[in-house]
Amino acid sequence: MKEFLSKTSSNTGSPLFEAIIRKREEVVALLLDRGSDVEQECSVNIYHPIEFRDKCTALCLACACGYVDIARLLLTRGASVNHGSLHSSPLIYASEYNNVELMQLLLDHGADVHMVPPCLQSEEAHLPLYQACLNGHGDIAELLMGS
């Protein structure tokens, strides 16, 4: 069973990632109950519900899709709020997509507002506050400046 749970496909990652993409919270919970690794990283290349290409964690994917309830579930099951992807982080995705509720959830769980993804360490342009301002998301910028 464990082998099946960690098996990956070329576009959607593992079964856990597929359940997240399809917004199937009950399936996400079941897969986690059965031993799916909440911190597994997979390369994802999808066009629905959003265009998304990155090597990421389940939490990053849920945040990129804007799925607050799934992000909350992943966090309660041990997902690291600061375990980002190659190119982003859960907080940056929430900031980019102007999701105030998701931002607050991540901040409440200790998200680091100064974390820059590994491959972009020298580029401050990828901080959540910069992304919020760049995209005209005043509510997000205000929330981040209050943290």
Protein backbone atom coordinates (compact mmCIF):
# COMPACT_ATOMS: atom_id res chain seq x y z
CA MET A 1 0.00 0.00 0.00
CA LYS A 2 2.79 2.46 0.94
CA GLU A 3 4.36 1.95 -2.50
CA PHE A 4 1.08 2.94 -4.20
CA LEU A 5 0.71 6.05 -2.03
CA SER A 6 4.12 7.40 -3.02
CA LYS A 7 3.95 6.45 -6.71
CA THR A 8 4.17 9.52 -8.93
CA SER A 9 2.92 10.39 -12.40
CA SER A 10 4.55 12.78 -14.83
CA ASN A 11 1.92 15.52 -14.51
CA THR A 12 0.15 15.38 -11.18
CA GLY A 13 2.58 13.85 -8.73
CA SER A 14 1.25 11.30 -6.25
CA PRO A 15 -2.31 10.17 -5.45
CA LEU A 16 -2.31 12.79 -2.66
CA PHE A 17 -1.51 15.52 -5.17
CA GLU A 18 -4.20 14.26 -7.53
CA ALA A 19 -6.78 14.45 -4.74
CA ILE A 20 -5.68 18.00 -3.93
CA ILE A 21 -5.88 19.11 -7.57
CA ARG A 22 -9.42 17.72 -7.78
CA LYS A 23 -10.35 19.38 -4.44
CA ARG A 24 -11.32 16.08 -2.80
CA GLU A 25 -10.75 16.87 0.86
CA GLU A 26 -12.20 13.56 2.07
CA VAL A 27 -9.81 11.64 -0.19
CA VAL A 28 -6.87 13.76 1.00
CA ALA A 29 -7.81 12.83 4.60
CA LEU A 30 -8.13 9.15 3.70
CA LEU A 31 -4.75 9.08 1.94
CA LEU A 32 -3.10 10.75 4.92
CA ASP A 33 -4.82 8.27 7.27
CA ARG A 34 -3.38 5.43 5.17
CA GLY A 35 0.18 6.75 5.28
CA SER A 36 0.69 9.28 2.51
CA ASP A 37 3.67 11.47 3.29
CA VAL A 38 2.38 15.01 3.91
CA GLU A 39 5.88 16.37 3.15
CA GLN A 40 6.48 14.43 -0.10
CA GLU A 41 7.74 16.63 -2.93
CA CYS A 42 6.47 16.02 -6.45
CA SER A 43 6.93 17.72 -9.78
CA VAL A 44 3.56 19.00 -10.92
CA ASN A 45 2.60 20.21 -14.38
CA ILE A 46 -1.12 21.02 -14.59
CA TYR A 47 -3.41 23.47 -16.35
CA HIS A 48 -6.54 23.10 -14.19
CA PRO A 49 -7.66 24.49 -11.76
CA ILE A 50 -4.66 26.80 -12.40
CA GLU A 51 -1.64 26.72 -14.66
CA PHE A 52 1.05 25.40 -12.37
CA ARG A 53 4.51 23.95 -12.90
CA ASP A 54 6.78 23.39 -9.94
CA LYS A 55 8.39 20.79 -7.72
CA CYS A 56 6.47 21.27 -4.52
CA THR A 57 4.86 19.90 -1.39
CA ALA A 58 1.17 19.13 -0.98
CA LEU A 59 0.71 22.33 1.05
CA CYS A 60 2.26 24.46 -1.70
CA LEU A 61 -0.10 22.88 -4.22
CA ALA A 62 -3.16 23.45 -2.01
CA CYS A 63 -2.14 27.09 -1.53
CA ALA A 64 -1.51 27.61 -5.24
CA CYS A 65 -5.01 26.25 -5.92
CA GLY A 66 -6.49 28.42 -3.15
CA TYR A 67 -7.96 25.49 -1.22
CA VAL A 68 -8.13 26.81 2.36
CA ASP A 69 -9.84 23.73 3.85
CA ILE A 70 -7.31 21.35 2.32
CA ALA A 71 -4.43 23.57 3.47
CA ARG A 72 -5.90 23.55 7.00
CA LEU A 73 -6.17 19.75 6.89
CA LEU A 74 -2.57 19.38 5.71
CA LEU A 75 -1.34 21.70 8.45
CA THR A 76 -3.24 19.76 11.13
CA ARG A 77 -1.65 16.57 9.78
CA GLY A 78 1.87 17.94 10.16
CA ALA A 79 2.66 19.79 6.93
CA SER A 80 5.45 22.30 7.46
CA VAL A 81 4.19 25.81 6.77
CA ASN A 82 7.69 26.86 5.69
CA HIS A 83 8.58 23.85 3.53
CA GLY A 84 8.38 25.57 0.18
CA SER A 85 8.81 24.47 -3.35
CA LEU A 86 11.72 24.93 -5.69
CA HIS A 87 10.33 28.27 -6.90
CA SER A 88 7.91 29.45 -4.22
CA SER A 89 6.37 28.88 -0.79
CA PRO A 90 2.86 28.39 0.56
CA LEU A 91 2.82 32.02 1.73
CA ILE A 92 4.00 33.36 -1.63
CA TYR A 93 1.30 31.38 -3.46
CA ALA A 94 -1.39 32.70 -1.13
CA SER A 95 -0.03 36.21 -1.62
CA GLU A 96 0.09 35.94 -5.41
CA TYR A 97 -3.50 34.73 -5.59
CA ASN A 98 -4.85 37.33 -3.12
CA ASN A 99 -6.25 34.80 -0.68
CA VAL A 100 -6.54 36.66 2.65
CA GLU A 101 -8.11 33.72 4.51
CA LEU A 102 -5.33 31.41 3.39
CA MET A 103 -2.67 34.00 4.27
CA GLN A 104 -4.09 34.34 7.78
CA LEU A 105 -4.16 30.55 8.21
CA LEU A 106 -0.50 30.27 7.18
CA LEU A 107 0.57 33.19 9.38
CA ASP A 108 -1.33 31.69 12.32
CA HIS A 109 0.71 28.51 11.81
CA GLY A 110 4.01 30.41 11.87
CA ALA A 111 4.73 31.09 8.20
CA ASP A 112 7.98 33.02 7.73
CA VAL A 113 7.21 36.22 5.80
CA HIS A 114 10.91 36.59 4.93
CA MET A 115 11.47 33.11 3.48
CA VAL A 116 12.75 33.09 -0.10
CA PRO A 117 12.62 29.86 -2.15
CA PRO A 118 15.94 27.98 -2.54
CA CYS A 119 16.54 28.72 -6.21
CA LEU A 120 15.74 32.43 -5.72
CA GLN A 121 17.81 33.15 -2.60
CA SER A 122 19.29 36.37 -3.99
CA GLU A 123 16.03 37.81 -5.28
CA GLU A 124 13.95 39.81 -2.79
CA ALA A 125 11.35 40.23 -5.56
CA HIS A 126 9.98 36.86 -4.55
CA LEU A 127 9.10 37.78 -0.97
CA PRO A 128 5.36 37.59 -0.23
CA LEU A 129 5.08 41.35 0.43
CA TYR A 130 6.69 42.20 -2.90
CA GLN A 131 4.35 39.80 -4.71
CA ALA A 132 1.31 41.31 -2.98
CA CYS A 133 2.35 44.83 -3.98
CA LEU A 134 3.28 43.78 -7.51
CA ASN A 135 -0.17 42.26 -7.99
CA GLY A 136 -2.08 45.12 -6.33
CA HIS A 137 -3.28 43.06 -3.37
CA GLY A 138 -3.58 45.74 -0.68
CA ASP A 139 -5.33 43.53 1.88
CA ILE A 140 -2.53 40.97 1.64
CA ALA A 141 0.18 43.65 1.90
CA GLU A 142 -1.50 45.08 4.99
CA LEU A 143 -1.75 41.64 6.58
CA LEU A 144 1.93 40.93 5.88
CA MET A 145 3.09 44.29 7.23
CA GLY A 146 1.17 43.59 10.43
CA SER A 147 3.06 40.33 10.96
